[in-house]
């Protein structure tokens, strides 16, 4: 399922496709905004979106084999909730 298909699914529940698009865009925007502020977003039964720090490390350029420094960075992470895990493993 892509974003357009998700909007169409939400449109079946709300009154119009325009409202569905606004709802989906709002949810994604709010999750992104919370992660930018380093806040976790917990959706009970679905899962948790959070930010993890990936430490700096030494890597290797696969083309040249040359060692290179990879800087520390923050990365988004999703941890599925129990209900989602159970739904997938039925």
C-alpha atoms as a PDB file:
ATOM      1  CA  UNK A   1       0.000   0.000   0.000  1.00  0.00           C
ATOM      2  CA  UNK A   2       1.307   3.448  -0.884  1.00  0.00           C
ATOM      3  CA  UNK A   3       0.187   6.882   0.306  1.00  0.00           C
ATOM      4  CA  UNK A   4      -2.450   7.228  -2.443  1.00  0.00           C
ATOM      5  CA  UNK A   5      -3.998   3.880  -1.581  1.00  0.00           C
ATOM      6  CA  UNK A   6      -4.022   4.823   2.100  1.00  0.00           C
ATOM      7  CA  UNK A   7      -5.821   8.076   1.269  1.00  0.00           C
ATOM      8  CA  UNK A   8      -8.415   6.130  -0.750  1.00  0.00           C
ATOM      9  CA  UNK A   9      -8.967   3.742   2.190  1.00  0.00           C
ATOM     10  CA  UNK A  10      -9.440   6.650   4.609  1.00  0.00           C
ATOM     11  CA  UNK A  11     -11.789   8.358   2.110  1.00  0.00           C
ATOM     12  CA  UNK A  12     -14.187   5.417   2.488  1.00  0.00           C
ATOM     13  CA  UNK A  13     -14.586   6.324   6.171  1.00  0.00           C
ATOM     14  CA  UNK A  14     -14.683  10.134   5.955  1.00  0.00           C
ATOM     15  CA  UNK A  15     -16.919  12.174   3.683  1.00  0.00           C
ATOM     16  CA  UNK A  16     -14.436  13.077   0.921  1.00  0.00           C
ATOM     17  CA  UNK A  17     -11.077  12.246  -0.589  1.00  0.00           C
ATOM     18  CA  UNK A  18      -9.895  15.807   0.113  1.00  0.00           C
ATOM     19  CA  UNK A  19     -10.593  15.365   3.839  1.00  0.00           C
ATOM     20  CA  UNK A  20      -8.873  11.974   3.774  1.00  0.00           C
ATOM     21  CA  UNK A  21      -5.764  13.471   2.188  1.00  0.00           C
ATOM     22  CA  UNK A  22      -5.723  16.244   4.784  1.00  0.00           C
ATOM     23  CA  UNK A  23      -6.057  13.689   7.606  1.00  0.00           C
ATOM     24  CA  UNK A  24      -3.246  11.461   6.307  1.00  0.00           C
ATOM     25  CA  UNK A  25      -0.976  14.454   5.651  1.00  0.00           C
ATOM     26  CA  UNK A  26      -1.681  15.808   9.143  1.00  0.00           C
ATOM     27  CA  UNK A  27      -0.855  12.497  10.845  1.00  0.00           C
ATOM     28  CA  UNK A  28       2.404  12.113   8.918  1.00  0.00           C
ATOM     29  CA  UNK A  29       3.335  15.743   9.554  1.00  0.00           C
ATOM     30  CA  UNK A  30       2.702  15.462  13.298  1.00  0.00           C
ATOM     31  CA  UNK A  31       4.757  12.258  13.576  1.00  0.00           C
ATOM     32  CA  UNK A  32       7.605  13.900  11.638  1.00  0.00           C
ATOM     33  CA  UNK A  33       7.410  17.035  13.787  1.00  0.00           C
ATOM     34  CA  UNK A  34       7.552  15.049  17.019  1.00  0.00           C
ATOM     35  CA  UNK A  35      10.564  13.063  15.798  1.00  0.00           C
ATOM     36  CA  UNK A  36      12.316  16.309  14.798  1.00  0.00           C
ATOM     37  CA  UNK A  37      11.919  17.420  18.446  1.00  0.00           C
ATOM     38  CA  UNK A  38      13.356  14.047  19.553  1.00  0.00           C
ATOM     39  CA  UNK A  39       9.989  12.995  21.025  1.00  0.00           C
ATOM     40  CA  UNK A  40       8.575   9.483  20.761  1.00  0.00           C
ATOM     41  CA  UNK A  41       5.138   8.904  19.208  1.00  0.00           C
ATOM     42  CA  UNK A  42       3.379   5.954  20.825  1.00  0.00           C
ATOM     43  CA  UNK A  43       0.271   4.549  19.152  1.00  0.00           C
ATOM     44  CA  UNK A  44      -1.068   1.918  21.549  1.00  0.00           C
ATOM     45  CA  UNK A  45      -1.590  -1.408  19.793  1.00  0.00           C
ATOM     46  CA  UNK A  46       0.238  -0.243  16.669  1.00  0.00           C
ATOM     47  CA  UNK A  47       3.740   0.746  17.720  1.00  0.00           C
ATOM     48  CA  UNK A  48       6.175   3.470  18.657  1.00  0.00           C
ATOM     49  CA  UNK A  49       8.095   5.858  16.438  1.00  0.00           C
ATOM     50  CA  UNK A  50      11.267   7.178  18.076  1.00  0.00           C
ATOM     51  CA  UNK A  51      14.707   8.587  17.312  1.00  0.00           C
ATOM     52  CA  UNK A  52      17.914   6.640  17.967  1.00  0.00           C
ATOM     53  CA  UNK A  53      21.465   7.923  17.933  1.00  0.00           C
ATOM     54  CA  UNK A  54      23.761   6.005  15.595  1.00  0.00           C
ATOM     55  CA  UNK A  55      27.327   6.324  16.907  1.00  0.00           C
ATOM     56  CA  UNK A  56      30.249   7.439  14.760  1.00  0.00           C
ATOM     57  CA  UNK A  57      32.211   4.543  13.279  1.00  0.00           C
ATOM     58  CA  UNK A  58      34.838   3.579  10.776  1.00  0.00           C
ATOM     59  CA  UNK A  59      33.523   2.241   7.487  1.00  0.00           C
ATOM     60  CA  UNK A  60      34.977   1.058   4.230  1.00  0.00           C
ATOM     61  CA  UNK A  61      34.371   2.403   0.733  1.00  0.00           C
ATOM     62  CA  UNK A  62      33.203  -0.694  -1.196  1.00  0.00           C
ATOM     63  CA  UNK A  63      34.664   0.514  -4.508  1.00  0.00           C
ATOM     64  CA  UNK A  64      38.157   1.421  -3.322  1.00  0.00           C
ATOM     65  CA  UNK A  65      38.422  -0.491  -0.035  1.00  0.00           C
ATOM     66  CA  UNK A  66      39.586   2.760   1.578  1.00  0.00           C
ATOM     67  CA  UNK A  67      38.760   3.261   5.277  1.00  0.00           C
ATOM     68  CA  UNK A  68      36.535   6.272   5.971  1.00  0.00           C
ATOM     69  CA  UNK A  69      34.958   7.956   8.980  1.00  0.00           C
ATOM     70  CA  UNK A  70      31.157   7.814   9.224  1.00  0.00           C
ATOM     71  CA  UNK A  71      29.796  10.599  11.437  1.00  0.00           C
ATOM     72  CA  UNK A  72      27.335  10.175  14.290  1.00  0.00           C
ATOM     73  CA  UNK A  73      23.723  10.790  13.308  1.00  0.00           C
ATOM     74  CA  UNK A  74      20.147  10.505  14.492  1.00  0.00           C
ATOM     75  CA  UNK A  75      17.905   7.965  12.741  1.00  0.00           C
ATOM     76  CA  UNK A  76      14.161   7.271  12.986  1.00  0.00           C
ATOM     77  CA  UNK A  77      13.099   3.891  14.360  1.00  0.00           C
ATOM     78  CA  UNK A  78       9.758   2.089  14.513  1.00  0.00           C
ATOM     79  CA  UNK A  79       9.074  -0.541  17.164  1.00  0.00           C
ATOM     80  CA  UNK A  80       5.889  -2.519  16.434  1.00  0.00           C
ATOM     81  CA  UNK A  81       3.380  -3.023  19.247  1.00  0.00           C
ATOM     82  CA  UNK A  82       2.097  -6.381  20.437  1.00  0.00           C
ATOM     83  CA  UNK A  83      -1.228  -6.137  18.573  1.00  0.00           C
ATOM     84  CA  UNK A  84       0.565  -5.414  15.276  1.00  0.00           C
ATOM     85  CA  UNK A  85       3.008  -8.284  15.826  1.00  0.00           C
ATOM     86  CA  UNK A  86       0.120 -10.629  16.606  1.00  0.00           C
ATOM     87  CA  UNK A  87      -1.817  -9.503  13.502  1.00  0.00           C
ATOM     88  CA  UNK A  88       1.173 -10.165  11.261  1.00  0.00           C
ATOM     89  CA  UNK A  89       1.956 -13.551  12.831  1.00  0.00           C
ATOM     90  CA  UNK A  90      -1.521 -15.093  12.621  1.00  0.00           C
END
